[in-house]
Amino acid sequence: MSTIDTNMGRYCLKANHAGNHIKGTITINDEGGDQLSLQEFDEHYLDDVVNNVIYPVTGGNREITRALREQMIKAGFNQPH
């Protein structure tokens, strides 16, 4: 079971690979660290999390999206196909 709890700039990503689902939350924080928004997700694959959750929440920021995807891979999440 893979787990990630990471912060990158204003974004905080927490997720667990629970069986055949990746469940977690992504939050946007203000400069002081207070939470501005929170989105829960339950996706089947790593690329679904990246494309359906991380990319839209970051406003299409490809660098942050790519960096968070790399952190998820390092934490043991993988794309099965």
N, C-alpha and C. Protein backbone atom coordinates (compact mmCIF):
# COMPACT_ATOMS: atom_id res chain seq x y z
N MET A 1 0.85 -1.17 0.00
CA MET A 1 0.00 0.00 0.00
C MET A 1 0.89 1.23 0.00
N SER A 2 0.73 2.07 -0.99
CA SER A 2 1.51 3.30 -1.13
C SER A 2 0.80 4.44 -0.42
N THR A 3 1.60 5.33 0.17
CA THR A 3 1.07 6.50 0.87
C THR A 3 1.93 7.70 0.55
N ILE A 4 1.30 8.87 0.42
CA ILE A 4 2.04 10.11 0.22
C ILE A 4 1.39 11.21 1.05
N ASP A 5 2.22 12.05 1.61
CA ASP A 5 1.80 13.24 2.35
C ASP A 5 2.88 14.28 2.07
N THR A 6 2.65 15.12 1.09
CA THR A 6 3.68 16.05 0.64
C THR A 6 3.12 17.44 0.43
N ASN A 7 3.97 18.42 0.60
CA ASN A 7 3.63 19.82 0.33
C ASN A 7 4.52 20.33 -0.78
N MET A 8 3.94 21.12 -1.66
CA MET A 8 4.71 21.74 -2.72
C MET A 8 4.13 23.13 -2.94
N GLY A 9 4.85 24.12 -2.48
CA GLY A 9 4.34 25.47 -2.58
C GLY A 9 3.06 25.59 -1.78
N ARG A 10 2.01 26.03 -2.43
CA ARG A 10 0.71 26.21 -1.77
C ARG A 10 -0.13 24.94 -1.75
N TYR A 11 0.36 23.86 -2.32
CA TYR A 11 -0.43 22.65 -2.48
C TYR A 11 0.02 21.55 -1.51
N CYS A 12 -0.95 20.86 -0.94
CA CYS A 12 -0.69 19.74 -0.05
C CYS A 12 -1.44 18.53 -0.59
N LEU A 13 -0.73 17.45 -0.85
CA LEU A 13 -1.32 16.24 -1.41
C LEU A 13 -1.14 15.10 -0.41
N LYS A 14 -2.27 14.47 -0.06
CA LYS A 14 -2.27 13.30 0.80
C LYS A 14 -3.06 12.23 0.09
N ALA A 15 -2.49 11.03 -0.02
CA ALA A 15 -3.19 9.95 -0.72
C ALA A 15 -2.70 8.59 -0.24
N ASN A 16 -3.59 7.62 -0.36
CA ASN A 16 -3.30 6.22 -0.07
C ASN A 16 -3.76 5.38 -1.25
N HIS A 17 -2.98 4.37 -1.57
CA HIS A 17 -3.40 3.42 -2.59
C HIS A 17 -4.11 2.30 -1.86
N ALA A 18 -5.42 2.33 -1.91
CA ALA A 18 -6.25 1.38 -1.18
C ALA A 18 -6.82 0.35 -2.14
N GLY A 19 -6.15 -0.76 -2.29
CA GLY A 19 -6.62 -1.80 -3.22
C GLY A 19 -6.49 -1.33 -4.65
N ASN A 20 -7.62 -1.19 -5.33
CA ASN A 20 -7.58 -0.76 -6.73
C ASN A 20 -8.01 0.70 -6.88
N HIS A 21 -7.92 1.48 -5.81
CA HIS A 21 -8.28 2.90 -5.84
C HIS A 21 -7.18 3.73 -5.18
N ILE A 22 -7.05 4.94 -5.65
CA ILE A 22 -6.19 5.92 -4.98
C ILE A 22 -7.14 6.94 -4.37
N LYS A 23 -7.14 7.01 -3.04
CA LYS A 23 -8.02 7.91 -2.32
C LYS A 23 -7.18 8.96 -1.60
N GLY A 24 -7.66 10.20 -1.59
CA GLY A 24 -6.92 11.21 -0.89
C GLY A 24 -7.54 12.58 -0.98
N THR A 25 -6.71 13.58 -0.64
CA THR A 25 -7.14 14.97 -0.69
C THR A 25 -6.01 15.82 -1.25
N ILE A 26 -6.39 16.92 -1.86
CA ILE A 26 -5.43 17.94 -2.27
C ILE A 26 -5.99 19.27 -1.76
N THR A 27 -5.13 20.04 -1.12
CA THR A 27 -5.56 21.33 -0.58
C THR A 27 -4.72 22.44 -1.17
N ILE A 28 -5.31 23.61 -1.19
CA ILE A 28 -4.60 24.84 -1.55
C ILE A 28 -4.54 25.67 -0.28
N ASN A 29 -3.35 26.10 0.08
CA ASN A 29 -3.14 26.90 1.28
C ASN A 29 -2.74 28.32 0.90
N ASP A 30 -3.02 29.26 1.80
CA ASP A 30 -2.57 30.62 1.55
C ASP A 30 -1.11 30.75 1.99
N GLU A 31 -0.55 31.94 1.86
CA GLU A 31 0.87 32.15 2.18
C GLU A 31 1.19 31.86 3.64
N GLY A 32 0.20 32.00 4.52
CA GLY A 32 0.40 31.72 5.94
C GLY A 32 0.22 30.26 6.31
N GLY A 33 -0.18 29.44 5.35
CA GLY A 33 -0.38 28.02 5.59
C GLY A 33 -1.80 27.63 5.93
N ASP A 34 -2.71 28.62 5.97
CA ASP A 34 -4.11 28.31 6.24
C ASP A 34 -4.77 27.73 5.00
N GLN A 35 -5.62 26.74 5.21
CA GLN A 35 -6.29 26.05 4.10
C GLN A 35 -7.34 26.94 3.45
N LEU A 36 -7.24 27.10 2.13
CA LEU A 36 -8.22 27.85 1.36
C LEU A 36 -9.27 26.94 0.74
N SER A 37 -8.84 25.79 0.25
CA SER A 37 -9.79 24.85 -0.34
C SER A 37 -9.27 23.43 -0.19
N LEU A 38 -10.20 22.48 -0.23
CA LEU A 38 -9.87 21.07 -0.10
C LEU A 38 -10.71 20.30 -1.10
N GLN A 39 -10.08 19.38 -1.80
CA GLN A 39 -10.81 18.51 -2.72
C GLN A 39 -10.45 17.07 -2.41
N GLU A 40 -11.45 16.26 -2.16
CA GLU A 40 -11.25 14.83 -1.97
C GLU A 40 -11.32 14.14 -3.33
N PHE A 41 -10.62 13.02 -3.46
CA PHE A 41 -10.69 12.27 -4.71
C PHE A 41 -10.61 10.78 -4.45
N ASP A 42 -11.12 10.02 -5.40
CA ASP A 42 -11.10 8.57 -5.39
C ASP A 42 -10.99 8.15 -6.85
N GLU A 43 -9.79 7.83 -7.28
CA GLU A 43 -9.52 7.50 -8.68
C GLU A 43 -8.90 6.12 -8.77
N HIS A 44 -8.98 5.51 -9.95
CA HIS A 44 -8.43 4.16 -10.14
C HIS A 44 -6.93 4.16 -10.41
N TYR A 45 -6.43 5.14 -11.16
CA TYR A 45 -5.05 5.11 -11.62
C TYR A 45 -4.31 6.40 -11.32
N LEU A 46 -3.01 6.31 -11.30
CA LEU A 46 -2.15 7.48 -11.07
C LEU A 46 -2.43 8.58 -12.08
N ASP A 47 -2.51 8.22 -13.35
CA ASP A 47 -2.74 9.24 -14.38
C ASP A 47 -4.11 9.91 -14.23
N ASP A 48 -5.09 9.17 -13.69
CA ASP A 48 -6.39 9.79 -13.42
C ASP A 48 -6.28 10.84 -12.33
N VAL A 49 -5.50 10.55 -11.29
CA VAL A 49 -5.28 11.53 -10.23
C VAL A 49 -4.59 12.77 -10.81
N VAL A 50 -3.58 12.55 -11.63
CA VAL A 50 -2.82 13.66 -12.22
C VAL A 50 -3.72 14.49 -13.14
N ASN A 51 -4.41 13.84 -14.07
CA ASN A 51 -5.20 14.56 -15.08
C ASN A 51 -6.52 15.12 -14.57
N ASN A 52 -7.18 14.40 -13.66
CA ASN A 52 -8.51 14.80 -13.20
C ASN A 52 -8.51 15.61 -11.91
N VAL A 53 -7.40 15.55 -11.16
CA VAL A 53 -7.37 16.22 -9.86
C VAL A 53 -6.25 17.25 -9.80
N ILE A 54 -5.01 16.81 -9.89
CA ILE A 54 -3.88 17.70 -9.65
C ILE A 54 -3.80 18.81 -10.69
N TYR A 55 -3.86 18.45 -11.96
CA TYR A 55 -3.73 19.46 -13.02
C TYR A 55 -4.79 20.55 -12.93
N PRO A 56 -6.09 20.20 -12.78
CA PRO A 56 -7.09 21.27 -12.65
C PRO A 56 -6.94 22.10 -11.37
N VAL A 57 -6.62 21.45 -10.26
CA VAL A 57 -6.51 22.19 -9.00
C VAL A 57 -5.35 23.18 -9.04
N THR A 58 -4.28 22.83 -9.73
CA THR A 58 -3.14 23.74 -9.81
C THR A 58 -3.33 24.79 -10.90
N GLY A 59 -4.49 24.82 -11.51
CA GLY A 59 -4.75 25.81 -12.56
C GLY A 59 -3.99 25.53 -13.83
N GLY A 60 -3.68 24.26 -14.06
CA GLY A 60 -2.96 23.90 -15.28
C GLY A 60 -1.46 24.11 -15.21
N ASN A 61 -0.93 24.22 -14.01
CA ASN A 61 0.51 24.41 -13.84
C ASN A 61 1.22 23.08 -14.08
N ARG A 62 1.85 22.96 -15.24
CA ARG A 62 2.48 21.69 -15.63
C ARG A 62 3.68 21.34 -14.77
N GLU A 63 4.45 22.34 -14.33
CA GLU A 63 5.63 22.06 -13.51
C GLU A 63 5.25 21.47 -12.17
N ILE A 64 4.27 22.07 -11.50
CA ILE A 64 3.83 21.53 -10.21
C ILE A 64 3.17 20.18 -10.40
N THR A 65 2.35 20.04 -11.43
CA THR A 65 1.70 18.75 -11.71
C THR A 65 2.74 17.67 -11.94
N ARG A 66 3.74 17.95 -12.74
CA ARG A 66 4.79 16.97 -13.02
C ARG A 66 5.56 16.62 -11.75
N ALA A 67 5.87 17.62 -10.93
CA ALA A 67 6.62 17.38 -9.70
C ALA A 67 5.81 16.54 -8.71
N LEU A 68 4.52 16.82 -8.59
CA LEU A 68 3.68 16.01 -7.69
C LEU A 68 3.54 14.58 -8.21
N ARG A 69 3.45 14.41 -9.52
CA ARG A 69 3.39 13.06 -10.10
C ARG A 69 4.68 12.29 -9.78
N GLU A 70 5.82 12.96 -9.93
CA GLU A 70 7.10 12.32 -9.62
C GLU A 70 7.18 11.93 -8.14
N GLN A 71 6.65 12.78 -7.25
CA GLN A 71 6.63 12.45 -5.83
C GLN A 71 5.76 11.23 -5.56
N MET A 72 4.64 11.13 -6.27
CA MET A 72 3.77 9.97 -6.11
C MET A 72 4.46 8.69 -6.59
N ILE A 73 5.17 8.77 -7.68
CA ILE A 73 5.91 7.60 -8.20
C ILE A 73 6.98 7.18 -7.20
N LYS A 74 7.71 8.15 -6.63
CA LYS A 74 8.73 7.84 -5.63
C LYS A 74 8.12 7.19 -4.39
N ALA A 75 6.87 7.56 -4.09
CA ALA A 75 6.18 6.99 -2.91
C ALA A 75 5.61 5.61 -3.20
N GLY A 76 5.72 5.13 -4.44
CA GLY A 76 5.28 3.78 -4.76
C GLY A 76 4.01 3.67 -5.59
N PHE A 77 3.41 4.80 -5.96
CA PHE A 77 2.25 4.75 -6.83
C PHE A 77 2.74 4.48 -8.25
N ASN A 78 1.96 3.70 -9.02
CA ASN A 78 2.37 3.41 -10.39
C ASN A 78 1.17 3.38 -11.31
N GLN A 79 1.46 3.45 -12.58
CA GLN A 79 0.44 3.39 -13.62
C GLN A 79 0.47 1.99 -14.21
N PRO A 80 -0.56 1.17 -13.99
CA PRO A 80 -0.49 -0.23 -14.39
C PRO A 80 -0.53 -0.50 -15.87
N HIS A 81 -0.99 0.44 -16.68
CA HIS A 81 -1.08 0.15 -18.12
C HIS A 81 -0.35 1.18 -18.92
